[in-house]
Amino acid sequence: MFRILLAEDDDVMREYLTRALERAGYLVSAVDRGTTALALIESERFDLLLTDIVMPEMDGIELAQRASDLVPDMRVMFITGFAAVTLRAGRAMPQARVLSKPFHLRELVAEVDRLFELETVPSRQ
C-alpha cells in the first residue's frame, strides 16, 4: 500500500484530503506544517509528499526540496490556490505535479492514482 505524507496548514482541507485519500486506499499521515513533515520524512518512508505551498514556518517548496535531498525517489505533488506560486513551484521542482485550488476531491485522487499508475496499489487488485 502506498504511503502519503500530507502537509496542509488548513485544518478542514487537511481532514477532507486525508479522508478522500484513505477512502481511495492510501495510507495517509497528515501534518499542519513543513517542519513537522520534514521530521517525519527523516524517520519514516513515504511514497508521496503532497504539500500545500503556502504554510507557516517552512513553505511547501522548501519542504519538497529538502525532502528530495533526503529521499530522491519520493514523488511530490503541490496543492495551491495561488497562480504565481504555482509558477515558482514548477521552476523549483519541475518533476513535481501541481494541483491548483479549487479542485474536486475526485481530481486529487485521480492525480495521485496517475502518479502511481505504473505500480499496483494492493487494495485495488
PDB file of N, CA and C in Angstrom:
ATOM      1  N   MET A   1       0.844  -1.176   0.000  1.00  0.00           N
ATOM      2  CA  MET A   1       0.000   0.000   0.000  1.00  0.00           C
ATOM      3  C   MET A   1       0.893   1.244   0.000  1.00  0.00           C
ATOM      4  N   PHE A   2       0.529   2.222  -0.798  1.00  0.00           N
ATOM      5  CA  PHE A   2       1.324   3.438  -0.898  1.00  0.00           C
ATOM      6  C   PHE A   2       1.066   4.353   0.297  1.00  0.00           C
ATOM      7  N   ARG A   3       2.138   4.989   0.757  1.00  0.00           N
ATOM      8  CA  ARG A   3       2.057   5.900   1.905  1.00  0.00           C
ATOM      9  C   ARG A   3       2.222   7.337   1.434  1.00  0.00           C
ATOM     10  N   ILE A   4       1.319   8.189   1.897  1.00  0.00           N
ATOM     11  CA  ILE A   4       1.321   9.599   1.521  1.00  0.00           C
ATOM     12  C   ILE A   4       1.525  10.441   2.769  1.00  0.00           C
ATOM     13  N   LEU A   5       2.422  11.411   2.658  1.00  0.00           N
ATOM     14  CA  LEU A   5       2.586  12.416   3.704  1.00  0.00           C
ATOM     15  C   LEU A   5       1.934  13.691   3.202  1.00  0.00           C
ATOM     16  N   LEU A   6       0.893  14.121   3.898  1.00  0.00           N
ATOM     17  CA  LEU A   6       0.154  15.320   3.540  1.00  0.00           C
ATOM     18  C   LEU A   6       0.546  16.454   4.475  1.00  0.00           C
ATOM     19  N   ALA A   7       1.028  17.550   3.912  1.00  0.00           N
ATOM     20  CA  ALA A   7       1.349  18.752   4.690  1.00  0.00           C
ATOM     21  C   ALA A   7       0.413  19.859   4.231  1.00  0.00           C
ATOM     22  N   GLU A   8      -0.525  20.206   5.091  1.00  0.00           N
ATOM     23  CA  GLU A   8      -1.556  21.210   4.771  1.00  0.00           C
ATOM     24  C   GLU A   8      -1.900  21.938   6.062  1.00  0.00           C
ATOM     25  N   ASP A   9      -1.759  23.266   6.061  1.00  0.00           N
ATOM     26  CA  ASP A   9      -1.977  24.019   7.300  1.00  0.00           C
ATOM     27  C   ASP A   9      -3.445  24.306   7.603  1.00  0.00           C
ATOM     28  N   ASP A  10      -4.331  24.191   6.629  1.00  0.00           N
ATOM     29  CA  ASP A  10      -5.755  24.422   6.870  1.00  0.00           C
ATOM     30  C   ASP A  10      -6.382  23.132   7.417  1.00  0.00           C
ATOM     31  N   ASP A  11      -6.912  23.217   8.642  1.00  0.00           N
ATOM     32  CA  ASP A  11      -7.447  22.030   9.316  1.00  0.00           C
ATOM     33  C   ASP A  11      -8.538  21.329   8.524  1.00  0.00           C
ATOM     34  N   VAL A  12      -9.500  22.089   8.013  1.00  0.00           N
ATOM     35  CA  VAL A  12     -10.623  21.496   7.284  1.00  0.00           C
ATOM     36  C   VAL A  12     -10.142  20.847   5.988  1.00  0.00           C
ATOM     37  N   MET A  13      -9.305  21.537   5.249  1.00  0.00           N
ATOM     38  CA  MET A  13      -8.775  20.990   3.993  1.00  0.00           C
ATOM     39  C   MET A  13      -7.959  19.723   4.266  1.00  0.00           C
ATOM     40  N   ARG A  14      -7.141  19.760   5.307  1.00  0.00           N
ATOM     41  CA  ARG A  14      -6.321  18.592   5.651  1.00  0.00           C
ATOM     42  C   ARG A  14      -7.213  17.374   5.945  1.00  0.00           C
ATOM     43  N   GLU A  15      -8.295  17.597   6.679  1.00  0.00           N
ATOM     44  CA  GLU A  15      -9.215  16.499   7.015  1.00  0.00           C
ATOM     45  C   GLU A  15      -9.912  15.952   5.768  1.00  0.00           C
ATOM     46  N   TYR A  16     -10.402  16.832   4.896  1.00  0.00           N
ATOM     47  CA  TYR A  16     -11.062  16.389   3.662  1.00  0.00           C
ATOM     48  C   TYR A  16     -10.110  15.598   2.769  1.00  0.00           C
ATOM     49  N   LEU A  17      -8.907  16.109   2.590  1.00  0.00           N
ATOM     50  CA  LEU A  17      -7.943  15.437   1.725  1.00  0.00           C
ATOM     51  C   LEU A  17      -7.554  14.077   2.299  1.00  0.00           C
ATOM     52  N   THR A  18      -7.324  14.043   3.598  1.00  0.00           N
ATOM     53  CA  THR A  18      -6.964  12.785   4.249  1.00  0.00           C
ATOM     54  C   THR A  18      -8.058  11.748   4.047  1.00  0.00           C
ATOM     55  N   ARG A  19      -9.293  12.141   4.314  1.00  0.00           N
ATOM     56  CA  ARG A  19     -10.412  11.209   4.186  1.00  0.00           C
ATOM     57  C   ARG A  19     -10.547  10.692   2.749  1.00  0.00           C
ATOM     58  N   ALA A  20     -10.452  11.568   1.779  1.00  0.00           N
ATOM     59  CA  ALA A  20     -10.596  11.166   0.375  1.00  0.00           C
ATOM     60  C   ALA A  20      -9.500  10.181  -0.033  1.00  0.00           C
ATOM     61  N   LEU A  21      -8.284  10.456   0.374  1.00  0.00           N
ATOM     62  CA  LEU A  21      -7.167   9.577   0.009  1.00  0.00           C
ATOM     63  C   LEU A  21      -7.247   8.230   0.730  1.00  0.00           C
ATOM     64  N   GLU A  22      -7.671   8.242   1.982  1.00  0.00           N
ATOM     65  CA  GLU A  22      -7.826   6.975   2.706  1.00  0.00           C
ATOM     66  C   GLU A  22      -8.938   6.132   2.093  1.00  0.00           C
ATOM     67  N   ARG A  23     -10.031   6.763   1.690  1.00  0.00           N
ATOM     68  CA  ARG A  23     -11.126   6.025   1.032  1.00  0.00           C
ATOM     69  C   ARG A  23     -10.671   5.420  -0.289  1.00  0.00           C
ATOM     70  N   ALA A  24      -9.690   6.058  -0.914  1.00  0.00           N
ATOM     71  CA  ALA A  24      -9.156   5.555  -2.181  1.00  0.00           C
ATOM     72  C   ALA A  24      -8.119   4.449  -1.967  1.00  0.00           C
ATOM     73  N   GLY A  25      -7.816   4.130  -0.710  1.00  0.00           N
ATOM     74  CA  GLY A  25      -6.923   3.015  -0.429  1.00  0.00           C
ATOM     75  C   GLY A  25      -5.503   3.378  -0.061  1.00  0.00           C
ATOM     76  N   TYR A  26      -5.230   4.640   0.163  1.00  0.00           N
ATOM     77  CA  TYR A  26      -3.888   5.071   0.525  1.00  0.00           C
ATOM     78  C   TYR A  26      -3.746   5.202   2.038  1.00  0.00           C
ATOM     79  N   LEU A  27      -2.531   5.008   2.537  1.00  0.00           N
ATOM     80  CA  LEU A  27      -2.220   5.274   3.935  1.00  0.00           C
ATOM     81  C   LEU A  27      -1.742   6.712   4.015  1.00  0.00           C
ATOM     82  N   VAL A  28      -2.347   7.516   4.873  1.00  0.00           N
ATOM     83  CA  VAL A  28      -2.047   8.946   4.917  1.00  0.00           C
ATOM     84  C   VAL A  28      -1.605   9.352   6.319  1.00  0.00           C
ATOM     85  N   SER A  29      -0.491  10.054   6.378  1.00  0.00           N
ATOM     86  CA  SER A  29      -0.067  10.750   7.590  1.00  0.00           C
ATOM     87  C   SER A  29      -0.211  12.227   7.274  1.00  0.00           C
ATOM     88  N   ALA A  30      -0.962  12.947   8.100  1.00  0.00           N
ATOM     89  CA  ALA A  30      -1.246  14.356   7.819  1.00  0.00           C
ATOM     90  C   ALA A  30      -0.685  15.243   8.919  1.00  0.00           C
ATOM     91  N   VAL A  31      -0.028  16.323   8.498  1.00  0.00           N
ATOM     92  CA  VAL A  31       0.557  17.290   9.427  1.00  0.00           C
ATOM     93  C   VAL A  31       0.192  18.699   8.983  1.00  0.00           C
ATOM     94  N   ASP A  32       0.369  19.655   9.897  1.00  0.00           N
ATOM     95  CA  ASP A  32      -0.068  21.022   9.610  1.00  0.00           C
ATOM     96  C   ASP A  32       1.047  21.984   9.234  1.00  0.00           C
ATOM     97  N   ARG A  33       2.270  21.493   9.105  1.00  0.00           N
ATOM     98  CA  ARG A  33       3.372  22.391   8.741  1.00  0.00           C
ATOM     99  C   ARG A  33       4.553  21.609   8.176  1.00  0.00           C
ATOM    100  N   GLY A  34       5.361  22.330   7.411  1.00  0.00           N
ATOM    101  CA  GLY A  34       6.503  21.709   6.751  1.00  0.00           C
ATOM    102  C   GLY A  34       7.559  21.176   7.698  1.00  0.00           C
ATOM    103  N   THR A  35       7.797  21.869   8.795  1.00  0.00           N
ATOM    104  CA  THR A  35       8.826  21.417   9.733  1.00  0.00           C
ATOM    105  C   THR A  35       8.452  20.056  10.340  1.00  0.00           C
ATOM    106  N   THR A  36       7.193  19.864  10.640  1.00  0.00           N
ATOM    107  CA  THR A  36       6.730  18.581  11.170  1.00  0.00           C
ATOM    108  C   THR A  36       6.842  17.501  10.097  1.00  0.00           C
ATOM    109  N   ALA A  37       6.499  17.849   8.871  1.00  0.00           N
ATOM    110  CA  ALA A  37       6.600  16.899   7.761  1.00  0.00           C
ATOM    111  C   ALA A  37       8.039  16.459   7.553  1.00  0.00           C
ATOM    112  N   LEU A  38       8.960  17.398   7.614  1.00  0.00           N
ATOM    113  CA  LEU A  38      10.367  17.070   7.403  1.00  0.00           C
ATOM    114  C   LEU A  38      10.864  16.083   8.460  1.00  0.00           C
ATOM    115  N   ALA A  39      10.459  16.279   9.691  1.00  0.00           N
ATOM    116  CA  ALA A  39      10.847  15.351  10.758  1.00  0.00           C
ATOM    117  C   ALA A  39      10.318  13.943  10.475  1.00  0.00           C
ATOM    118  N   LEU A  40       9.101  13.839   9.962  1.00  0.00           N
ATOM    119  CA  LEU A  40       8.551  12.522   9.622  1.00  0.00           C
ATOM    120  C   LEU A  40       9.302  11.879   8.463  1.00  0.00           C
ATOM    121  N   ILE A  41       9.666  12.681   7.482  1.00  0.00           N
ATOM    122  CA  ILE A  41      10.410  12.161   6.328  1.00  0.00           C
ATOM    123  C   ILE A  41      11.753  11.592   6.769  1.00  0.00           C
ATOM    124  N   GLU A  42      12.330  12.191   7.788  1.00  0.00           N
ATOM    125  CA  GLU A  42      13.618  11.709   8.304  1.00  0.00           C
ATOM    126  C   GLU A  42      13.480  10.391   9.046  1.00  0.00           C
ATOM    127  N   SER A  43      12.278  10.071   9.527  1.00  0.00           N
ATOM    128  CA  SER A  43      12.123   8.869  10.353  1.00  0.00           C
ATOM    129  C   SER A  43      11.236   7.780   9.737  1.00  0.00           C
ATOM    130  N   GLU A  44      10.475   8.112   8.705  1.00  0.00           N
ATOM    131  CA  GLU A  44       9.565   7.135   8.099  1.00  0.00           C
ATOM    132  C   GLU A  44       9.692   7.170   6.586  1.00  0.00           C
ATOM    133  N   ARG A  45       9.152   6.120   5.935  1.00  0.00           N
ATOM    134  CA  ARG A  45       9.193   6.048   4.471  1.00  0.00           C
ATOM    135  C   ARG A  45       7.833   6.448   3.905  1.00  0.00           C
ATOM    136  N   PHE A  46       7.863   7.340   2.918  1.00  0.00           N
ATOM    137  CA  PHE A  46       6.648   7.762   2.217  1.00  0.00           C
ATOM    138  C   PHE A  46       6.881   7.662   0.722  1.00  0.00           C
ATOM    139  N   ASP A  47       5.824   7.355  -0.017  1.00  0.00           N
ATOM    140  CA  ASP A  47       5.903   7.264  -1.471  1.00  0.00           C
ATOM    141  C   ASP A  47       5.595   8.592  -2.140  1.00  0.00           C
ATOM    142  N   LEU A  48       4.815   9.435  -1.427  1.00  0.00           N
ATOM    143  CA  LEU A  48       4.399  10.711  -1.995  1.00  0.00           C
ATOM    144  C   LEU A  48       4.357  11.774  -0.905  1.00  0.00           C
ATOM    145  N   LEU A  49       4.919  12.928  -1.232  1.00  0.00           N
ATOM    146  CA  LEU A  49       4.745  14.125  -0.409  1.00  0.00           C
ATOM    147  C   LEU A  49       3.713  14.979  -1.127  1.00  0.00           C
ATOM    148  N   LEU A  50       2.572  15.163  -0.488  1.00  0.00           N
ATOM    149  CA  LEU A  50       1.504  16.012  -1.008  1.00  0.00           C
ATOM    150  C   LEU A  50       1.476  17.237  -0.110  1.00  0.00           C
ATOM    151  N   THR A  51       1.865  18.388  -0.647  1.00  0.00           N
ATOM    152  CA  THR A  51       2.040  19.544   0.216  1.00  0.00           C
ATOM    153  C   THR A  51       1.428  20.812  -0.354  1.00  0.00           C
ATOM    154  N   ASP A  52       0.794  21.548   0.549  1.00  0.00           N
ATOM    155  CA  ASP A  52       0.380  22.903   0.233  1.00  0.00           C
ATOM    156  C   ASP A  52       1.673  23.698   0.055  1.00  0.00           C
ATOM    157  N   ILE A  53       1.623  24.764  -0.698  1.00  0.00           N
ATOM    158  CA  ILE A  53       2.836  25.560  -0.881  1.00  0.00           C
ATOM    159  C   ILE A  53       2.950  26.634   0.188  1.00  0.00           C
ATOM    160  N   VAL A  54       1.861  27.333   0.460  1.00  0.00           N
ATOM    161  CA  VAL A  54       1.905  28.436   1.417  1.00  0.00           C
ATOM    162  C   VAL A  54       1.542  27.898   2.801  1.00  0.00           C
ATOM    163  N   MET A  55       2.560  27.797   3.668  1.00  0.00           N
ATOM    164  CA  MET A  55       2.380  27.296   5.037  1.00  0.00           C
ATOM    165  C   MET A  55       3.305  28.072   5.970  1.00  0.00           C
ATOM    166  N   PRO A  56       2.995  28.063   7.264  1.00  0.00           N
ATOM    167  CA  PRO A  56       3.875  28.731   8.224  1.00  0.00           C
ATOM    168  C   PRO A  56       5.174  27.949   8.435  1.00  0.00           C
ATOM    169  N   GLU A  57       6.187  28.632   8.886  1.00  0.00           N
ATOM    170  CA  GLU A  57       7.498  28.084   9.256  1.00  0.00           C
ATOM    171  C   GLU A  57       8.341  27.640   8.069  1.00  0.00           C
ATOM    172  N   MET A  58       7.786  26.831   7.187  1.00  0.00           N
ATOM    173  CA  MET A  58       8.519  26.336   6.016  1.00  0.00           C
ATOM    174  C   MET A  58       7.508  26.130   4.906  1.00  0.00           C
ATOM    175  N   ASP A  59       7.696  26.794   3.773  1.00  0.00           N
ATOM    176  CA  ASP A  59       6.727  26.609   2.694  1.00  0.00           C
ATOM    177  C   ASP A  59       6.913  25.255   2.016  1.00  0.00           C
ATOM    178  N   GLY A  60       5.931  24.878   1.231  1.00  0.00           N
ATOM    179  CA  GLY A  60       5.949  23.573   0.591  1.00  0.00           C
ATOM    180  C   GLY A  60       7.079  23.378  -0.397  1.00  0.00           C
ATOM    181  N   ILE A  61       7.523  24.450  -1.033  1.00  0.00           N
ATOM    182  CA  ILE A  61       8.630  24.325  -1.989  1.00  0.00           C
ATOM    183  C   ILE A  61       9.925  23.976  -1.262  1.00  0.00           C
ATOM    184  N   GLU A  62      10.207  24.697  -0.186  1.00  0.00           N
ATOM    185  CA  GLU A  62      11.408  24.382   0.604  1.00  0.00           C
ATOM    186  C   GLU A  62      11.307  22.967   1.171  1.00  0.00           C
ATOM    187  N   LEU A  63      10.123  22.613   1.667  1.00  0.00           N
ATOM    188  CA  LEU A  63       9.912  21.262   2.188  1.00  0.00           C
ATOM    189  C   LEU A  63      10.222  20.222   1.115  1.00  0.00           C
ATOM    190  N   ALA A  64       9.691  20.421  -0.074  1.00  0.00           N
ATOM    191  CA  ALA A  64       9.898  19.463  -1.163  1.00  0.00           C
ATOM    192  C   ALA A  64      11.367  19.360  -1.551  1.00  0.00           C
ATOM    193  N   GLN A  65      12.053  20.487  -1.596  1.00  0.00           N
ATOM    194  CA  GLN A  65      13.472  20.464  -1.942  1.00  0.00           C
ATOM    195  C   GLN A  65      14.285  19.719  -0.888  1.00  0.00           C
ATOM    196  N   ARG A  66      14.001  19.987   0.374  1.00  0.00           N
ATOM    197  CA  ARG A  66      14.732  19.310   1.449  1.00  0.00           C
ATOM    198  C   ARG A  66      14.379  17.825   1.500  1.00  0.00           C
ATOM    199  N   ALA A  67      13.101  17.509   1.273  1.00  0.00           N
ATOM    200  CA  ALA A  67      12.670  16.113   1.241  1.00  0.00           C
ATOM    201  C   ALA A  67      13.339  15.372   0.090  1.00  0.00           C
ATOM    202  N   SER A  68      13.459  16.044  -1.035  1.00  0.00           N
ATOM    203  CA  SER A  68      14.092  15.447  -2.213  1.00  0.00           C
ATOM    204  C   SER A  68      15.571  15.141  -1.964  1.00  0.00           C
ATOM    205  N   ASP A  69      16.217  15.977  -1.172  1.00  0.00           N
ATOM    206  CA  ASP A  69      17.605  15.699  -0.800  1.00  0.00           C
ATOM    207  C   ASP A  69      17.703  14.438   0.055  1.00  0.00           C
ATOM    208  N   LEU A  70      16.713  14.235   0.931  1.00  0.00           N
ATOM    209  CA  LEU A  70      16.711  13.085   1.836  1.00  0.00           C
ATOM    210  C   LEU A  70      16.243  11.806   1.141  1.00  0.00           C
ATOM    211  N   VAL A  71      15.219  11.932   0.289  1.00  0.00           N
ATOM    212  CA  VAL A  71      14.603  10.775  -0.377  1.00  0.00           C
ATOM    213  C   VAL A  71      14.382  11.127  -1.845  1.00  0.00           C
ATOM    214  N   PRO A  72      15.427  10.987  -2.663  1.00  0.00           N
ATOM    215  CA  PRO A  72      15.338  11.441  -4.060  1.00  0.00           C
ATOM    216  C   PRO A  72      14.232  10.789  -4.886  1.00  0.00           C
ATOM    217  N   ASP A  73      13.815   9.572  -4.548  1.00  0.00           N
ATOM    218  CA  ASP A  73      12.800   8.900  -5.367  1.00  0.00           C
ATOM    219  C   ASP A  73      11.369   9.114  -4.867  1.00  0.00           C
ATOM    220  N   MET A  74      11.180   9.913  -3.829  1.00  0.00           N
ATOM    221  CA  MET A  74       9.829  10.191  -3.352  1.00  0.00           C
ATOM    222  C   MET A  74       9.140  11.150  -4.323  1.00  0.00           C
ATOM    223  N   ARG A  75       7.909  10.818  -4.694  1.00  0.00           N
ATOM    224  CA  ARG A  75       7.138  11.683  -5.574  1.00  0.00           C
ATOM    225  C   ARG A  75       6.675  12.912  -4.797  1.00  0.00           C
ATOM    226  N   VAL A  76       6.450  14.016  -5.536  1.00  0.00           N
ATOM    227  CA  VAL A  76       5.997  15.259  -4.922  1.00  0.00           C
ATOM    228  C   VAL A  76       4.826  15.818  -5.721  1.00  0.00           C
ATOM    229  N   MET A  77       3.797  16.241  -4.987  1.00  0.00           N
ATOM    230  CA  MET A  77       2.689  16.950  -5.609  1.00  0.00           C
ATOM    231  C   MET A  77       2.374  18.164  -4.744  1.00  0.00           C
ATOM    232  N   PHE A  78       2.285  19.328  -5.395  1.00  0.00           N
ATOM    233  CA  PHE A  78       1.929  20.563  -4.705  1.00  0.00           C
ATOM    234  C   PHE A  78       0.447  20.838  -4.890  1.00  0.00           C
ATOM    235  N   ILE A  79      -0.162  21.430  -3.867  1.00  0.00           N
ATOM    236  CA  ILE A  79      -1.512  21.963  -3.987  1.00  0.00           C
ATOM    237  C   ILE A  79      -1.456  23.419  -3.557  1.00  0.00           C
ATOM    238  N   THR A  80      -2.095  24.280  -4.334  1.00  0.00           N
ATOM    239  CA  THR A  80      -2.041  25.707  -4.019  1.00  0.00           C
ATOM    240  C   THR A  80      -3.219  26.444  -4.622  1.00  0.00           C
ATOM    241  N   GLY A  81      -3.528  27.552  -4.030  1.00  0.00           N
ATOM    242  CA  GLY A  81      -4.571  28.419  -4.554  1.00  0.00           C
ATOM    243  C   GLY A  81      -4.017  29.688  -5.154  1.00  0.00           C
ATOM    244  N   PHE A  82      -2.711  29.775  -5.293  1.00  0.00           N
ATOM    245  CA  PHE A  82      -2.061  30.996  -5.779  1.00  0.00           C
ATOM    246  C   PHE A  82      -1.349  30.725  -7.097  1.00  0.00           C
ATOM    247  N   ALA A  83      -1.809  31.368  -8.162  1.00  0.00           N
ATOM    248  CA  ALA A  83      -1.243  31.130  -9.500  1.00  0.00           C
ATOM    249  C   ALA A  83       0.239  31.474  -9.575  1.00  0.00           C
ATOM    250  N   ALA A  84       0.649  32.586  -8.992  1.00  0.00           N
ATOM    251  CA  ALA A  84       2.058  32.987  -9.057  1.00  0.00           C
ATOM    252  C   ALA A  84       2.948  31.973  -8.339  1.00  0.00           C
ATOM    253  N   VAL A  85       2.438  31.415  -7.271  1.00  0.00           N
ATOM    254  CA  VAL A  85       3.191  30.413  -6.521  1.00  0.00           C
ATOM    255  C   VAL A  85       3.312  29.130  -7.333  1.00  0.00           C
ATOM    256  N   THR A  86       2.304  28.826  -8.127  1.00  0.00           N
ATOM    257  CA  THR A  86       2.343  27.650  -8.987  1.00  0.00           C
ATOM    258  C   THR A  86       3.524  27.732  -9.952  1.00  0.00           C
ATOM    259  N   LEU A  87       3.739  28.888 -10.532  1.00  0.00           N
ATOM    260  CA  LEU A  87       4.867  29.069 -11.452  1.00  0.00           C
ATOM    261  C   LEU A  87       6.200  28.865 -10.738  1.00  0.00           C
ATOM    262  N   ARG A  88       6.309  29.404  -9.540  1.00  0.00           N
ATOM    263  CA  ARG A  88       7.542  29.261  -8.761  1.00  0.00           C
ATOM    264  C   ARG A  88       7.792  27.794  -8.429  1.00  0.00           C
ATOM    265  N   ALA A  89       6.738  27.069  -8.083  1.00  0.00           N
ATOM    266  CA  ALA A  89       6.870  25.651  -7.758  1.00  0.00           C
ATOM    267  C   ALA A  89       7.354  24.865  -8.973  1.00  0.00           C
ATOM    268  N   GLY A  90       6.808  25.179 -10.128  1.00  0.00           N
ATOM    269  CA  GLY A  90       7.212  24.492 -11.356  1.00  0.00           C
ATOM    270  C   GLY A  90       8.676  24.703 -11.697  1.00  0.00           C
ATOM    271  N   ARG A  91       9.167  25.888 -11.428  1.00  0.00           N
ATOM    272  CA  ARG A  91      10.592  26.168 -11.682  1.00  0.00           C
ATOM    273  C   ARG A  91      11.482  25.487 -10.640  1.00  0.00           C
ATOM    274  N   ALA A  92      11.055  25.485  -9.389  1.00  0.00           N
ATOM    275  CA  ALA A  92      11.865  24.929  -8.311  1.00  0.00           C
ATOM    276  C   ALA A  92      11.904  23.399  -8.339  1.00  0.00           C
ATOM    277  N   MET A  93      10.794  22.783  -8.697  1.00  0.00           N
ATOM    278  CA  MET A  93      10.677  21.313  -8.702  1.00  0.00           C
ATOM    279  C   MET A  93       9.975  20.882  -9.989  1.00  0.00           C
ATOM    280  N   PRO A  94      10.663  20.916 -11.133  1.00  0.00           N
ATOM    281  CA  PRO A  94       9.998  20.647 -12.412  1.00  0.00           C
ATOM    282  C   PRO A  94       9.396  19.246 -12.524  1.00  0.00           C
ATOM    283  N   GLN A  95       9.877  18.292 -11.765  1.00  0.00           N
ATOM    284  CA  GLN A  95       9.346  16.931 -11.831  1.00  0.00           C
ATOM    285  C   GLN A  95       8.080  16.756 -10.988  1.00  0.00           C
ATOM    286  N   ALA A  96       7.732  17.746 -10.183  1.00  0.00           N
ATOM    287  CA  ALA A  96       6.572  17.657  -9.303  1.00  0.00           C
ATOM    288  C   ALA A  96       5.294  18.033 -10.056  1.00  0.00           C
ATOM    289  N   ARG A  97       4.202  17.465  -9.617  1.00  0.00           N
ATOM    290  CA  ARG A  97       2.891  17.842 -10.145  1.00  0.00           C
ATOM    291  C   ARG A  97       2.351  18.988  -9.300  1.00  0.00           C
ATOM    292  N   VAL A  98       1.530  19.824  -9.917  1.00  0.00           N
ATOM    293  CA  VAL A  98       0.897  20.937  -9.208  1.00  0.00           C
ATOM    294  C   VAL A  98      -0.599  20.862  -9.471  1.00  0.00           C
ATOM    295  N   LEU A  99      -1.377  20.849  -8.397  1.00  0.00           N
ATOM    296  CA  LEU A  99      -2.826  20.848  -8.488  1.00  0.00           C
ATOM    297  C   LEU A  99      -3.313  22.157  -7.891  1.00  0.00           C
ATOM    298  N   SER A 100      -4.016  22.942  -8.699  1.00  0.00           N
ATOM    299  CA  SER A 100      -4.467  24.259  -8.256  1.00  0.00           C
ATOM    300  C   SER A 100      -5.837  24.191  -7.599  1.00  0.00           C
ATOM    301  N   LYS A 101      -5.977  24.898  -6.476  1.00  0.00           N
ATOM    302  CA  LYS A 101      -7.266  25.025  -5.789  1.00  0.00           C
ATOM    303  C   LYS A 101      -8.094  26.056  -6.532  1.00  0.00           C
ATOM    304  N   PRO A 102      -9.385  25.923  -6.584  1.00  0.00           N
ATOM    305  CA  PRO A 102     -10.154  24.821  -6.005  1.00  0.00           C
ATOM    306  C   PRO A 102     -10.139  23.606  -6.924  1.00  0.00           C
ATOM    307  N   PHE A 103     -10.214  22.454  -6.349  1.00  0.00           N
ATOM    308  CA  PHE A 103     -10.307  21.212  -7.113  1.00  0.00           C
ATOM    309  C   PHE A 103     -11.296  20.304  -6.405  1.00  0.00           C
ATOM    310  N   HIS A 104     -11.827  19.354  -7.140  1.00  0.00           N
ATOM    311  CA  HIS A 104     -12.739  18.374  -6.565  1.00  0.00           C
ATOM    312  C   HIS A 104     -11.891  17.239  -5.996  1.00  0.00           C
ATOM    313  N   LEU A 105     -12.344  16.626  -4.929  1.00  0.00           N
ATOM    314  CA  LEU A 105     -11.586  15.534  -4.316  1.00  0.00           C
ATOM    315  C   LEU A 105     -11.330  14.396  -5.306  1.00  0.00           C
ATOM    316  N   ARG A 106     -12.262  14.180  -6.234  1.00  0.00           N
ATOM    317  CA  ARG A 106     -12.047  13.148  -7.269  1.00  0.00           C
ATOM    318  C   ARG A 106     -10.838  13.482  -8.133  1.00  0.00           C
ATOM    319  N   GLU A 107     -10.646  14.790  -8.418  1.00  0.00           N
ATOM    320  CA  GLU A 107      -9.482  15.203  -9.206  1.00  0.00           C
ATOM    321  C   GLU A 107      -8.189  14.883  -8.463  1.00  0.00           C
ATOM    322  N   LEU A 108      -8.182  15.159  -7.178  1.00  0.00           N
ATOM    323  CA  LEU A 108      -6.992  14.867  -6.377  1.00  0.00           C
ATOM    324  C   LEU A 108      -6.673  13.381  -6.412  1.00  0.00           C
ATOM    325  N   VAL A 109      -7.671  12.551  -6.149  1.00  0.00           N
ATOM    326  CA  VAL A 109      -7.448  11.109  -6.134  1.00  0.00           C
ATOM    327  C   VAL A 109      -6.988  10.631  -7.513  1.00  0.00           C
ATOM    328  N   ALA A 110      -7.579  11.156  -8.572  1.00  0.00           N
ATOM    329  CA  ALA A 110      -7.179  10.770  -9.929  1.00  0.00           C
ATOM    330  C   ALA A 110      -5.723  11.142 -10.203  1.00  0.00           C
ATOM    331  N   GLU A 111      -5.306  12.324  -9.770  1.00  0.00           N
ATOM    332  CA  GLU A 111      -3.911  12.746  -9.955  1.00  0.00           C
ATOM    333  C   GLU A 111      -2.955  11.858  -9.166  1.00  0.00           C
ATOM    334  N   VAL A 112      -3.311  11.536  -7.938  1.00  0.00           N
ATOM    335  CA  VAL A 112      -2.470  10.651  -7.123  1.00  0.00           C
ATOM    336  C   VAL A 112      -2.410   9.270  -7.764  1.00  0.00           C
ATOM    337  N   ASP A 113      -3.553   8.757  -8.220  1.00  0.00           N
ATOM    338  CA  ASP A 113      -3.570   7.463  -8.911  1.00  0.00           C
ATOM    339  C   ASP A 113      -2.626   7.477 -10.107  1.00  0.00           C
ATOM    340  N   ARG A 114      -2.638   8.570 -10.878  1.00  0.00           N
ATOM    341  CA  ARG A 114      -1.758   8.668 -12.049  1.00  0.00           C
ATOM    342  C   ARG A 114      -0.285   8.629 -11.654  1.00  0.00           C
ATOM    343  N   LEU A 115       0.049   9.208 -10.521  1.00  0.00           N
ATOM    344  CA  LEU A 115       1.442   9.162 -10.065  1.00  0.00           C
ATOM    345  C   LEU A 115       1.914   7.735  -9.820  1.00  0.00           C
ATOM    346  N   PHE A 116       0.985   6.884  -9.433  1.00  0.00           N
ATOM    347  CA  PHE A 116       1.330   5.501  -9.115  1.00  0.00           C
ATOM    348  C   PHE A 116       0.871   4.518 -10.184  1.00  0.00           C
ATOM    349  N   GLU A 117       0.466   4.996 -11.363  1.00  0.00           N
ATOM    350  CA  GLU A 117      -0.165   4.134 -12.358  1.00  0.00           C
ATOM    351  C   GLU A 117       0.721   2.995 -12.849  1.00  0.00           C
ATOM    352  N   LEU A 118       2.024   3.120 -12.790  1.00  0.00           N
ATOM    353  CA  LEU A 118       2.903   2.049 -13.252  1.00  0.00           C
ATOM    354  C   LEU A 118       3.082   0.961 -12.195  1.00  0.00           C
ATOM    355  N   GLU A 119       2.639   1.252 -10.991  1.00  0.00           N
ATOM    356  CA  GLU A 119       2.754   0.294  -9.899  1.00  0.00           C
ATOM    357  C   GLU A 119       1.351  -0.113  -9.469  1.00  0.00           C
ATOM    358  N   THR A 120       1.231  -1.250  -8.844  1.00  0.00           N
ATOM    359  CA  THR A 120      -0.070  -1.753  -8.415  1.00  0.00           C
ATOM    360  C   THR A 120      -0.366  -1.298  -6.998  1.00  0.00           C
ATOM    361  N   VAL A 121      -1.541  -0.752  -6.783  1.00  0.00           N
ATOM    362  CA  VAL A 121      -1.993  -0.419  -5.435  1.00  0.00           C
ATOM    363  C   VAL A 121      -2.643  -1.694  -4.882  1.00  0.00           C
ATOM    364  N   PRO A 122      -2.076  -2.312  -3.845  1.00  0.00           N
ATOM    365  CA  PRO A 122      -2.561  -3.610  -3.368  1.00  0.00           C
ATOM    366  C   PRO A 122      -4.059  -3.630  -3.063  1.00  0.00           C
ATOM    367  N   SER A 123      -4.627  -2.593  -2.517  1.00  0.00           N
ATOM    368  CA  SER A 123      -6.038  -2.615  -2.143  1.00  0.00           C
ATOM    369  C   SER A 123      -6.963  -2.533  -3.351  1.00  0.00           C
ATOM    370  N   ARG A 124      -6.407  -2.327  -4.535  1.00  0.00           N
ATOM    371  CA  ARG A 124      -7.245  -2.173  -5.737  1.00  0.00           C
ATOM    372  C   ARG A 124      -7.093  -3.336  -6.708  1.00  0.00           C
ATOM    373  N   GLN A 125      -6.465  -4.404  -6.319  1.00  0.00           N
ATOM    374  CA  GLN A 125      -6.275  -5.532  -7.219  1.00  0.00           C
ATOM    375  C   GLN A 125      -7.555  -6.273  -7.447  1.00  0.00           C
TER     376      GLN A 125
END
